[in-house]
């Protein structure tokens, strides 16, 4: 079991999702946002961080209080320029 809450992030083709999970597996807070297919990688990253902050705030938590964070994405994630 982890020592504190975990932030889970999902980067999908049509939406972003985020959730904060307690050490015992309970969902503390969750949220999602649609993605713009024309968005740049920087814009998607900014939207993901904004969603993460919203979910953490809804759960009464700060980034520094997390035990871990994880990200899932469908397909291959390429660095800029590739």
Protein backbone atom coordinates (compact mmCIF):
# COMPACT_ATOMS: atom_id res chain seq x y z
CA UNK A 1 0.00 0.00 0.00
CA UNK A 2 1.24 3.51 -0.83
CA UNK A 3 1.82 6.07 1.90
CA UNK A 4 -0.56 8.71 0.53
CA UNK A 5 -2.96 9.61 -2.25
CA UNK A 6 -2.10 8.98 -5.90
CA UNK A 7 -2.91 11.18 -8.90
CA UNK A 8 -4.00 9.23 -11.99
CA UNK A 9 -3.96 10.98 -15.39
CA UNK A 10 -5.34 9.72 -18.71
CA UNK A 11 -4.56 11.33 -22.05
CA UNK A 12 -7.15 10.19 -24.57
CA UNK A 13 -7.93 11.14 -28.13
CA UNK A 14 -11.20 12.88 -27.22
CA UNK A 15 -10.79 13.72 -23.54
CA UNK A 16 -8.42 14.08 -20.62
CA UNK A 17 -9.27 12.47 -17.29
CA UNK A 18 -7.81 12.79 -13.81
CA UNK A 19 -8.51 11.26 -10.45
CA UNK A 20 -7.09 11.24 -6.96
CA UNK A 21 -7.15 7.85 -5.26
CA UNK A 22 -6.67 7.20 -1.53
CA UNK A 23 -4.24 4.54 -0.24
CA UNK A 24 -7.23 2.22 0.37
CA UNK A 25 -8.45 2.59 -3.25
CA UNK A 26 -11.25 5.11 -2.65
CA UNK A 27 -11.80 7.83 -5.28
CA UNK A 28 -11.25 11.16 -3.53
CA UNK A 29 -11.94 13.38 -6.55
CA UNK A 30 -12.17 13.00 -10.32
CA UNK A 31 -12.75 15.08 -13.41
CA UNK A 32 -12.44 15.22 -17.17
CA UNK A 33 -12.14 17.69 -20.02
CA UNK A 34 -12.61 17.36 -23.76
CA UNK A 35 -9.58 17.76 -26.00
CA UNK A 36 -9.39 19.82 -29.15
CA UNK A 37 -8.12 17.67 -32.02
CA UNK A 38 -6.26 20.71 -33.37
CA UNK A 39 -4.51 21.41 -30.05
CA UNK A 40 -0.74 21.43 -29.96
CA UNK A 41 1.12 19.12 -27.57
CA UNK A 42 1.87 22.17 -25.39
CA UNK A 43 -1.82 23.07 -25.23
CA UNK A 44 -2.79 19.50 -24.32
CA UNK A 45 -0.11 19.46 -21.60
CA UNK A 46 -1.35 22.78 -20.21
CA UNK A 47 -4.95 21.48 -20.17
CA UNK A 48 -3.83 18.29 -18.41
CA UNK A 49 -1.99 20.24 -15.70
CA UNK A 50 -5.00 22.53 -15.25
CA UNK A 51 -7.29 19.50 -14.87
CA UNK A 52 -4.87 17.93 -12.37
CA UNK A 53 -4.87 21.11 -10.29
CA UNK A 54 -8.69 21.24 -10.37
CA UNK A 55 -9.00 17.62 -9.21
CA UNK A 56 -6.41 18.10 -6.47
CA UNK A 57 -8.20 21.23 -5.28
CA UNK A 58 -11.56 19.42 -5.28
CA UNK A 59 -9.96 16.72 -3.13
CA UNK A 60 -8.45 19.29 -0.75
CA UNK A 61 -4.91 18.26 -1.70
CA UNK A 62 -1.73 19.84 -3.01
CA UNK A 63 0.76 18.32 -5.46
CA UNK A 64 3.36 18.00 -2.68
CA UNK A 65 1.05 15.73 -0.65
CA UNK A 66 0.90 12.96 -3.26
CA UNK A 67 2.66 9.62 -2.85
CA UNK A 68 2.82 9.17 -6.63
CA UNK A 69 1.37 10.15 -9.98
CA UNK A 70 0.83 8.06 -13.08
CA UNK A 71 -0.07 8.76 -16.69
CA UNK A 72 -1.75 6.60 -19.27
CA UNK A 73 -2.09 7.32 -22.98
CA UNK A 74 -3.38 5.37 -25.95
CA UNK A 75 -0.75 4.73 -28.58
CA UNK A 76 2.76 6.04 -28.81
CA UNK A 77 3.59 9.38 -27.22
CA UNK A 78 6.29 11.13 -29.23
CA UNK A 79 8.49 14.04 -28.15
CA UNK A 80 8.09 17.30 -30.07
CA UNK A 81 9.81 17.26 -33.41
CA UNK A 82 9.49 13.52 -34.08
